[in-house]
Amino acid sequence: MSLTASEQIARFVVAFGPDRLSASLRAACGRSLVDLHAAAIAGWEEPAAERVRQYVASLAGDSGVARYWRGGRGSLEGAALANGVAAHVLDYDDVSSPMRGHPGVAIWPALLALGEARKVSGDQLASAFVVGFEVIVKLSRAMAVKHYARGWHSTSSIGTIGSAVACAHLLQLDAVRIVNAIGLAVAQTAGTRQNFGTDAKAFQAGQANAAALRAALLAETGFSASPAALDGDVGYVSLYGAGEDLSAQLADLGREPLELERSGVEVKKYPLCYATHRMLDGLLDLRAAHGLTLADVERVDVRVSRDALAPLIHHRPQSGLEAKFSMEYAAAAALHDGDVKLSSFLDSAVMRPEIQAFLPKVSAREEGETLMPRWAEVAALRKDGVTLSTRVETLRGSAEKPLSDDELLRKVKDCYDFGGCRIDAARFLDESMRMDCCDVSHLLPVEA
């Protein structure tokens, strides 16, 4: 009798261990962790992050076993939820192109809370992240394009499953309990792109962590779920996807190169939706090369690959959250400011009269038959009639063109400064990239 998808995943998870971790895999885990932590610190005082901490504080039985990343303690689920919301609220956290979502924020808050409570080693933590990332990307390769196009927020709707697997690995559950954890994750997975531009988008990312913990911890007790929860007749793929066959992708689980090296973690250079980043790279290059300003430009026309515009649902944004999902605002801010940074998404920055007046002068359309390989072409028509254009295929910060450690460090320091937090970023990055040298309780930095 053939194995179900959940059983295939469980077999991989049980067989995987820290002995599979190369120095490059550990370094990739560390870079992902530091990038996510920085995004959380920068977003700590955002209204959505404050509101969720108020909610968590109101819960009965808040046992204080896991740290909030900016001080204080909460329950496992409470800390994972609060840290996850803070890490995603600015939309500055890492990306996976196959996932069409954010893997780090779906996994790290749950793993760190659980790892701290169970006093695990840094190597165990890294191994769990690699496992969760591997499962997320394999599932995504099989189904994410159509899944995302239907409106699912894959950070939470796929991320919850990978995060639950990561937590189950950290708990060293047996295969039966891992299968149950996957089924319990499926029972909770959700998230819609309709919520983009609101507090709920960050909540969906935080909730993926709380749900994953709940799934793994219930499975640890022996709580059962269907072994066919993923690929049964009325399982996850039938309901959330288009009935895709997962077997080919899952057959490659754990084969070299692992997905953390093959597809990699993509680090965001700009704090807004990744779908704008190729356009921004191109437009900022044109601005630098030709001395463009907003006042010089009559209009901007953007062409992108098929389905690339799906998350950009706000064409006339009125707030910073909405502006993070607006091609029009991204182009206007880049031309006006010469950069797109954290301060670009203050509500007051979005509502600048000259910016609002320029929004109708930006157009974007999709071309071609497929999303991959992704590309963007941007053309700026100057008021003197000259058109300047460029095409961008490989993003700065992508797996093909990663940020250097120094470039990542500059981003991390900027996030800590924005959050008013005094953390030795260089030391944190160095220690995280050598995660085997410490346990979880000593890994997360404290403010000086």
Protein backbone atom coordinates (compact mmCIF):
# COMPACT_ATOMS: atom_id res chain seq x y z
CA MET A 1 0.00 0.00 0.00
CA SER A 2 1.44 3.38 -1.01
CA LEU A 3 2.15 6.05 1.54
CA THR A 4 -0.05 9.11 1.87
CA ALA A 5 1.53 12.54 1.43
CA SER A 6 1.60 13.04 5.20
CA GLU A 7 3.31 9.70 5.68
CA GLN A 8 5.91 10.57 3.03
CA ILE A 9 6.68 13.80 4.87
CA ALA A 10 6.85 12.01 8.24
CA ARG A 11 9.32 9.47 6.88
CA PHE A 12 11.59 12.31 5.72
CA VAL A 13 11.30 14.21 9.01
CA VAL A 14 12.14 11.22 11.19
CA ALA A 15 15.22 10.41 9.11
CA PHE A 16 16.57 13.97 9.05
CA GLY A 17 18.94 15.20 11.73
CA PRO A 18 21.52 17.87 12.58
CA ASP A 19 24.23 15.68 11.06
CA ARG A 20 22.86 16.78 7.65
CA LEU A 21 23.65 20.43 8.38
CA SER A 22 26.57 21.89 6.47
CA ALA A 23 28.19 25.17 7.41
CA SER A 24 26.38 26.85 4.53
CA LEU A 25 23.00 25.54 5.72
CA ARG A 26 23.66 26.80 9.25
CA ALA A 27 24.67 30.18 7.85
CA ALA A 28 21.49 30.34 5.76
CA CYS A 29 19.41 29.57 8.86
CA GLY A 30 21.22 32.29 10.79
CA ARG A 31 20.78 34.92 8.08
CA SER A 32 17.06 34.13 7.91
CA LEU A 33 16.65 34.35 11.68
CA VAL A 34 18.48 37.66 12.03
CA ASP A 35 16.59 39.22 9.12
CA LEU A 36 13.24 38.18 10.63
CA HIS A 37 14.18 39.35 14.13
CA ALA A 38 15.15 42.75 12.75
CA ALA A 39 11.85 43.08 10.90
CA ALA A 40 10.02 42.26 14.14
CA ILE A 41 11.90 44.88 16.14
CA ALA A 42 11.17 47.50 13.48
CA GLY A 43 7.47 46.58 13.58
CA TRP A 44 7.16 46.22 17.35
CA GLU A 45 5.28 49.47 17.97
CA GLU A 46 3.01 49.22 14.94
CA PRO A 47 -0.69 49.33 15.92
CA ALA A 48 -1.32 45.72 14.83
CA ALA A 49 1.60 44.47 16.92
CA GLU A 50 0.43 46.42 19.99
CA ARG A 51 -3.15 45.18 19.59
CA VAL A 52 -2.16 41.54 19.42
CA ARG A 53 -0.01 41.89 22.56
CA GLN A 54 -3.00 43.37 24.36
CA TYR A 55 -5.03 40.37 23.25
CA VAL A 56 -2.37 37.87 24.33
CA ALA A 57 -2.03 39.57 27.72
CA SER A 58 -5.76 39.12 28.28
CA LEU A 59 -5.62 35.34 27.90
CA ALA A 60 -6.06 33.23 31.00
CA GLY A 61 -3.16 30.99 31.92
CA ASP A 62 -0.47 33.07 30.21
CA SER A 63 2.39 31.09 31.73
CA GLY A 64 5.32 33.24 30.66
CA VAL A 65 7.50 30.43 29.31
CA ALA A 66 8.59 32.11 26.05
CA ARG A 67 10.07 35.51 25.36
CA TYR A 68 8.62 38.39 23.44
CA TRP A 69 11.46 39.59 21.27
CA ARG A 70 11.34 43.11 22.67
CA GLY A 71 11.03 42.16 26.34
CA GLY A 72 8.58 40.31 28.57
CA ARG A 73 7.24 36.78 28.40
CA GLY A 74 4.10 34.98 27.36
CA SER A 75 2.68 31.54 26.73
CA LEU A 76 4.09 29.49 23.87
CA GLU A 77 1.21 30.32 21.56
CA GLY A 78 0.99 33.91 22.77
CA ALA A 79 4.67 34.66 22.20
CA ALA A 80 4.66 32.95 18.79
CA LEU A 81 1.59 34.90 17.73
CA ALA A 82 2.86 38.26 18.99
CA ASN A 83 6.37 37.85 17.58
CA GLY A 84 4.97 36.62 14.27
CA VAL A 85 2.64 39.60 13.87
CA ALA A 86 5.43 42.06 14.68
CA ALA A 87 7.77 40.33 12.21
CA HIS A 88 5.28 40.54 9.33
CA VAL A 89 3.47 43.82 9.92
CA LEU A 90 5.99 45.92 7.95
CA ASP A 91 6.19 43.35 5.12
CA TYR A 92 9.99 43.44 5.36
CA ASP A 93 10.57 39.76 6.17
CA ASP A 94 12.07 37.11 3.90
CA VAL A 95 10.45 35.55 0.84
CA SER A 96 10.39 32.28 -1.07
CA SER A 97 9.53 32.64 -4.76
CA PRO A 98 8.23 29.06 -5.14
CA MET A 99 6.03 29.60 -2.07
CA ARG A 100 4.80 33.02 -3.19
CA GLY A 101 5.06 33.85 0.49
CA HIS A 102 7.20 34.36 3.56
CA PRO A 103 8.68 31.16 5.03
CA GLY A 104 10.72 32.64 7.87
CA VAL A 105 7.81 34.32 9.60
CA ALA A 106 5.74 31.14 9.37
CA ILE A 107 8.41 29.05 11.14
CA TRP A 108 10.84 31.00 13.35
CA PRO A 109 8.44 32.48 15.96
CA ALA A 110 6.98 29.04 16.73
CA LEU A 111 10.36 27.29 16.74
CA LEU A 112 12.02 29.84 19.01
CA ALA A 113 9.17 29.78 21.53
CA LEU A 114 9.13 25.98 21.60
CA GLY A 115 12.91 25.70 21.56
CA GLU A 116 13.25 28.04 24.51
CA ALA A 117 10.62 26.19 26.54
CA ARG A 118 12.16 22.78 25.79
CA LYS A 119 15.78 24.01 26.11
CA VAL A 120 16.94 22.60 22.78
CA SER A 121 20.32 23.15 21.15
CA GLY A 122 21.00 25.55 18.33
CA ASP A 123 21.71 22.59 16.02
CA GLN A 124 18.29 21.10 16.76
CA LEU A 125 16.73 24.47 16.02
CA ALA A 126 18.52 24.79 12.68
CA SER A 127 17.61 21.22 11.73
CA ALA A 128 13.94 21.95 12.42
CA PHE A 129 14.01 25.11 10.31
CA VAL A 130 15.60 23.25 7.39
CA VAL A 131 12.92 20.54 7.63
CA GLY A 132 10.06 23.04 7.75
CA PHE A 133 11.47 25.05 4.87
CA GLU A 134 11.95 21.88 2.80
CA VAL A 135 8.31 20.84 3.26
CA ILE A 136 6.96 24.32 2.53
CA VAL A 137 8.86 24.65 -0.73
CA LYS A 138 8.05 21.12 -1.96
CA LEU A 139 4.33 21.67 -1.31
CA SER A 140 4.60 25.07 -2.96
CA ARG A 141 6.29 23.73 -6.07
CA ALA A 142 3.36 21.36 -6.49
CA MET A 143 0.48 23.78 -5.93
CA ALA A 144 1.33 27.36 -4.91
CA VAL A 145 0.75 29.16 -8.22
CA LYS A 146 -2.92 28.17 -8.58
CA HIS A 147 -3.43 28.19 -4.81
CA TYR A 148 -2.24 31.80 -4.56
CA ALA A 149 -4.18 32.84 -7.67
CA ARG A 150 -7.38 31.60 -6.02
CA GLY A 151 -6.82 34.08 -3.20
CA TRP A 152 -5.08 32.08 -0.49
CA HIS A 153 -2.35 33.81 1.53
CA SER A 154 0.27 31.10 1.16
CA THR A 155 2.40 32.42 4.04
CA SER A 156 -0.28 31.13 6.36
CA SER A 157 -2.19 28.62 4.21
CA ILE A 158 0.92 26.62 3.28
CA GLY A 159 3.24 27.95 5.99
CA THR A 160 1.17 26.49 8.83
CA ILE A 161 1.81 22.97 7.56
CA GLY A 162 5.57 23.43 7.21
CA SER A 163 5.75 25.14 10.58
CA ALA A 164 3.88 22.28 12.27
CA VAL A 165 6.33 19.82 10.70
CA ALA A 166 9.25 21.91 11.97
CA CYS A 167 7.80 21.92 15.50
CA ALA A 168 7.16 18.18 15.34
CA HIS A 169 10.79 17.64 14.34
CA LEU A 170 11.98 19.82 17.22
CA LEU A 171 9.87 17.71 19.60
CA GLN A 172 11.36 14.55 18.04
CA LEU A 173 7.92 13.07 17.47
CA ASP A 174 7.62 9.65 15.87
CA ALA A 175 6.16 9.17 12.39
CA VAL A 176 2.60 8.53 13.59
CA ARG A 177 2.56 11.71 15.66
CA ILE A 178 4.09 13.74 12.81
CA VAL A 179 1.27 12.55 10.54
CA ASN A 180 -1.20 13.66 13.19
CA ALA A 181 0.51 17.05 13.52
CA ILE A 182 0.13 17.57 9.76
CA GLY A 183 -3.56 16.69 9.91
CA LEU A 184 -4.07 19.04 12.86
CA ALA A 185 -2.28 21.80 10.95
CA VAL A 186 -4.58 21.23 7.98
CA ALA A 187 -7.51 21.58 10.38
CA GLN A 188 -6.39 25.16 11.14
CA THR A 189 -4.75 26.50 7.99
CA ALA A 190 -6.32 29.55 6.34
CA GLY A 191 -5.59 33.13 5.28
CA THR A 192 -6.85 35.27 2.41
CA ARG A 193 -5.17 37.84 0.17
CA GLN A 194 -8.26 39.99 0.59
CA ASN A 195 -6.83 41.00 3.96
CA PHE A 196 -3.69 42.52 2.39
CA GLY A 197 -3.28 46.13 3.48
CA THR A 198 -4.90 45.54 6.88
CA ASP A 199 -3.81 44.30 10.32
CA ALA A 200 -5.23 40.88 9.43
CA LYS A 201 -2.41 40.09 6.99
CA ALA A 202 0.15 40.18 9.79
CA PHE A 203 -2.28 38.28 12.04
CA GLN A 204 -2.47 35.50 9.45
CA ALA A 205 1.32 35.11 9.61
CA GLY A 206 1.37 35.13 13.41
CA GLN A 207 -1.55 32.71 13.58
CA ALA A 208 0.35 30.24 11.40
CA ASN A 209 2.84 29.91 14.26
CA ALA A 210 0.25 29.57 17.00
CA ALA A 211 -1.64 26.96 14.95
CA ALA A 212 1.56 25.04 14.21
CA LEU A 213 2.46 24.87 17.89
CA ARG A 214 -1.04 23.75 18.76
CA ALA A 215 -0.87 21.03 16.12
CA ALA A 216 2.52 19.67 17.21
CA LEU A 217 1.79 19.81 20.93
CA LEU A 218 -1.58 18.10 20.53
CA ALA A 219 0.03 15.45 18.36
CA GLU A 220 2.64 14.92 21.09
CA THR A 221 -0.19 13.91 23.45
CA GLY A 222 -1.49 11.34 20.96
CA PHE A 223 -4.27 13.52 19.49
CA SER A 224 -5.18 11.96 16.15
CA ALA A 225 -5.90 13.22 12.65
CA SER A 226 -6.42 11.65 9.24
CA PRO A 227 -3.27 10.33 7.56
CA ALA A 228 -4.84 11.48 4.28
CA ALA A 229 -5.49 15.05 5.43
CA LEU A 230 -3.24 16.41 2.66
CA ASP A 231 -4.09 14.26 -0.34
CA GLY A 232 -7.34 12.47 0.46
CA ASP A 233 -10.45 12.82 -1.71
CA VAL A 234 -11.61 15.76 0.38
CA GLY A 235 -8.21 16.68 1.79
CA TYR A 236 -6.13 19.84 1.63
CA VAL A 237 -5.08 19.63 -2.03
CA SER A 238 -8.66 19.06 -3.21
CA LEU A 239 -10.06 21.90 -1.13
CA TYR A 240 -7.23 24.45 -1.22
CA GLY A 241 -5.69 23.56 -4.57
CA ALA A 242 -6.70 22.04 -7.89
CA GLY A 243 -6.25 18.40 -6.95
CA GLU A 244 -2.53 18.43 -7.75
CA ASP A 245 -0.47 15.26 -7.37
CA LEU A 246 2.08 15.88 -4.61
CA SER A 247 3.96 12.64 -5.05
CA ALA A 248 6.66 13.83 -7.48
CA GLN A 249 7.71 16.74 -5.30
CA LEU A 250 7.51 14.80 -2.05
CA ALA A 251 9.64 12.02 -3.53
CA ASP A 252 12.47 14.57 -3.64
CA LEU A 253 12.22 15.52 0.05
CA GLY A 254 15.69 15.60 1.55
CA ARG A 255 17.57 15.11 -1.72
CA GLU A 256 20.61 17.30 -2.29
CA PRO A 257 20.63 20.16 -2.73
CA LEU A 258 18.10 20.83 0.00
CA GLU A 259 15.64 23.62 -0.78
CA LEU A 260 17.32 26.03 1.61
CA GLU A 261 20.29 25.95 -0.76
CA ARG A 262 18.45 25.25 -4.02
CA SER A 263 15.76 27.95 -3.92
CA GLY A 264 17.10 29.78 -0.90
CA VAL A 265 15.73 32.47 1.38
CA GLU A 266 15.25 35.77 -0.42
CA VAL A 267 15.96 38.84 1.71
CA LYS A 268 13.87 41.91 1.02
CA LYS A 269 15.68 45.10 0.07
CA TYR A 270 12.53 47.23 0.36
CA PRO A 271 9.84 47.08 3.09
CA LEU A 272 6.80 46.36 0.92
CA CYS A 273 5.28 43.61 -1.19
CA TYR A 274 7.86 41.64 -3.14
CA ALA A 275 5.82 42.01 -6.32
CA THR A 276 7.04 45.62 -6.58
CA HIS A 277 10.74 44.90 -6.13
CA ARG A 278 11.82 44.27 -9.71
CA MET A 279 10.11 47.47 -10.77
CA LEU A 280 11.83 49.31 -7.91
CA ASP A 281 15.27 47.98 -8.78
CA GLY A 282 14.78 49.17 -12.36
CA LEU A 283 13.21 52.54 -11.60
CA LEU A 284 15.79 53.43 -8.96
CA ASP A 285 18.55 52.49 -11.40
CA LEU A 286 17.00 54.82 -14.01
CA ARG A 287 16.68 57.58 -11.44
CA ALA A 288 20.33 57.26 -10.43
CA ALA A 289 21.63 57.06 -13.99
CA HIS A 290 19.59 59.95 -15.38
CA GLY A 291 18.95 62.19 -12.37
CA LEU A 292 15.18 61.64 -12.57
CA THR A 293 12.84 63.28 -10.09
CA LEU A 294 9.11 62.99 -9.70
CA ALA A 295 8.71 66.45 -11.25
CA ASP A 296 10.56 65.31 -14.40
CA VAL A 297 8.29 62.36 -15.16
CA GLU A 298 5.00 62.44 -17.04
CA ARG A 299 4.12 58.81 -16.44
CA VAL A 300 5.49 55.37 -15.56
CA ASP A 301 4.46 52.19 -17.36
CA VAL A 302 5.29 48.80 -15.88
CA ARG A 303 5.02 45.39 -17.54
CA VAL A 304 5.45 42.18 -15.55
CA SER A 305 5.11 38.42 -15.97
CA ARG A 306 1.71 36.73 -15.73
CA ASP A 307 0.04 36.76 -12.27
CA ALA A 308 2.80 38.94 -10.77
CA LEU A 309 0.34 41.72 -9.92
CA ALA A 310 -2.00 39.51 -7.89
CA PRO A 311 -1.10 40.88 -4.43
CA LEU A 312 -1.05 44.55 -5.51
CA ILE A 313 -4.68 45.28 -4.76
CA HIS A 314 -4.46 48.94 -3.64
CA HIS A 315 -4.23 51.38 -6.53
CA ARG A 316 -5.02 54.58 -4.60
CA PRO A 317 -3.65 53.83 -1.11
CA GLN A 318 -4.63 56.04 1.78
CA SER A 319 -2.48 54.45 4.51
CA GLY A 320 0.93 52.92 4.97
CA LEU A 321 -0.50 49.41 5.15
CA GLU A 322 -2.37 49.84 1.88
CA ALA A 323 0.67 51.43 0.22
CA LYS A 324 2.69 48.25 0.83
CA PHE A 325 0.47 46.59 -1.79
CA SER A 326 0.48 49.33 -4.39
CA MET A 327 2.65 49.44 -7.52
CA GLU A 328 1.54 53.03 -8.01
CA TYR A 329 2.77 54.18 -4.62
CA ALA A 330 6.04 52.27 -4.93
CA ALA A 331 6.87 54.04 -8.19
CA ALA A 332 5.86 57.48 -6.92
CA ALA A 333 7.82 57.15 -3.68
CA ALA A 334 10.92 55.86 -5.47
CA LEU A 335 10.95 58.80 -7.87
CA HIS A 336 10.22 61.38 -5.19
CA ASP A 337 12.52 60.11 -2.43
CA GLY A 338 15.24 58.25 -4.29
CA ASP A 339 14.65 55.22 -2.10
CA VAL A 340 11.82 53.22 -0.55
CA LYS A 341 12.43 52.66 3.15
CA LEU A 342 10.61 52.14 6.42
CA SER A 343 9.70 55.80 6.80
CA SER A 344 8.09 55.73 3.34
CA PHE A 345 5.13 53.92 4.88
CA LEU A 346 4.11 56.40 7.50
CA ASP A 347 0.52 57.42 6.74
CA SER A 348 1.68 61.01 6.40
CA ALA A 349 4.22 59.98 3.73
CA VAL A 350 1.56 58.18 1.71
CA MET A 351 -0.78 61.16 1.81
CA ARG A 352 1.72 63.73 0.51
CA PRO A 353 -0.21 65.74 -2.14
CA GLU A 354 2.43 65.35 -4.83
CA ILE A 355 2.49 61.59 -4.30
CA GLN A 356 -1.28 61.24 -4.41
CA ALA A 357 -1.40 63.35 -7.57
CA PHE A 358 1.09 61.07 -9.31
CA LEU A 359 -0.66 57.75 -8.55
CA PRO A 360 -2.96 57.87 -11.63
CA LYS A 361 0.14 58.35 -13.80
CA VAL A 362 1.43 54.86 -13.02
CA SER A 363 0.09 51.86 -14.94
CA ALA A 364 0.98 48.19 -14.68
CA ARG A 365 -0.03 45.21 -16.78
CA GLU A 366 0.82 41.53 -17.05
CA GLU A 367 2.12 39.82 -20.16
CA GLY A 368 3.12 36.31 -21.17
CA GLU A 369 1.69 32.94 -20.25
CA THR A 370 3.51 32.02 -17.03
CA LEU A 371 4.69 33.58 -13.79
CA MET A 372 8.14 31.97 -13.96
CA PRO A 373 10.72 33.10 -14.76
CA ARG A 374 9.70 36.42 -13.27
CA TRP A 375 10.65 39.73 -14.87
CA ALA A 376 9.60 43.38 -14.93
CA GLU A 377 10.07 46.14 -17.47
CA VAL A 378 9.70 49.75 -16.40
CA ALA A 379 9.48 52.77 -18.70
CA ALA A 380 9.55 56.36 -17.45
CA LEU A 381 8.26 58.97 -19.91
CA ARG A 382 9.89 62.31 -19.13
CA LYS A 383 8.02 65.56 -19.66
CA ASP A 384 10.48 66.43 -22.47
CA GLY A 385 9.18 63.41 -24.42
CA VAL A 386 12.14 61.08 -23.81
CA THR A 387 11.33 57.56 -22.60
CA LEU A 388 13.83 55.77 -20.36
CA SER A 389 13.36 52.05 -19.87
CA THR A 390 14.99 48.96 -18.40
CA ARG A 391 14.22 45.29 -17.76
CA VAL A 392 14.93 43.47 -14.48
CA GLU A 393 14.95 39.71 -14.15
CA THR A 394 17.24 38.98 -11.20
CA LEU A 395 16.42 40.81 -7.98
CA ARG A 396 18.94 42.17 -5.54
CA GLY A 397 18.44 40.03 -2.45
CA SER A 398 17.19 37.02 -4.37
CA ALA A 399 18.73 33.56 -4.14
CA GLU A 400 20.52 34.23 -7.43
CA LYS A 401 21.83 37.61 -6.32
CA PRO A 402 21.89 37.51 -2.49
CA LEU A 403 22.72 40.42 -0.28
CA SER A 404 26.22 40.19 1.15
CA ASP A 405 26.58 39.81 4.90
CA ASP A 406 27.51 43.50 5.07
CA GLU A 407 24.40 44.50 3.08
CA LEU A 408 22.22 42.33 5.30
CA LEU A 409 23.85 43.85 8.36
CA ARG A 410 23.03 47.36 7.13
CA LYS A 411 19.38 46.38 6.76
CA VAL A 412 19.31 44.80 10.23
CA LYS A 413 20.92 47.86 11.85
CA ASP A 414 18.42 50.14 10.08
CA CYS A 415 15.55 48.04 11.45
CA TYR A 416 16.93 48.17 14.98
CA ASP A 417 17.43 51.92 14.70
CA PHE A 418 13.90 52.38 13.37
CA GLY A 419 12.60 50.40 16.34
CA GLY A 420 14.71 52.39 18.80
CA CYS A 421 16.45 49.21 19.90
CA ARG A 422 20.11 48.88 20.96
CA ILE A 423 21.25 45.42 19.88
CA ASP A 424 24.70 44.41 18.70
CA ALA A 425 23.61 43.36 15.21
CA ALA A 426 27.04 42.15 14.09
CA ARG A 427 27.41 39.86 17.10
CA PHE A 428 23.88 38.48 16.67
CA LEU A 429 24.51 37.71 12.99
CA ASP A 430 27.84 36.03 13.76
CA GLU A 431 26.37 33.85 16.52
CA SER A 432 23.27 32.96 14.50
CA MET A 433 25.35 31.81 11.54
CA ARG A 434 27.17 29.44 13.94
CA MET A 435 23.97 28.23 15.56
CA ASP A 436 25.56 24.99 16.76
CA CYS A 437 27.66 26.95 19.27
CA CYS A 438 24.82 27.83 21.65
CA ASP A 439 21.38 26.80 22.82
CA VAL A 440 18.17 28.71 22.11
CA SER A 441 18.06 30.47 25.46
CA HIS A 442 21.34 32.23 24.62
CA LEU A 443 20.66 32.81 20.94
CA LEU A 444 18.17 35.67 20.96
CA PRO A 445 19.83 39.00 21.70
CA VAL A 446 18.95 41.31 24.58
CA GLU A 447 19.02 45.07 24.40
CA ALA A 448 22.18 46.74 25.65
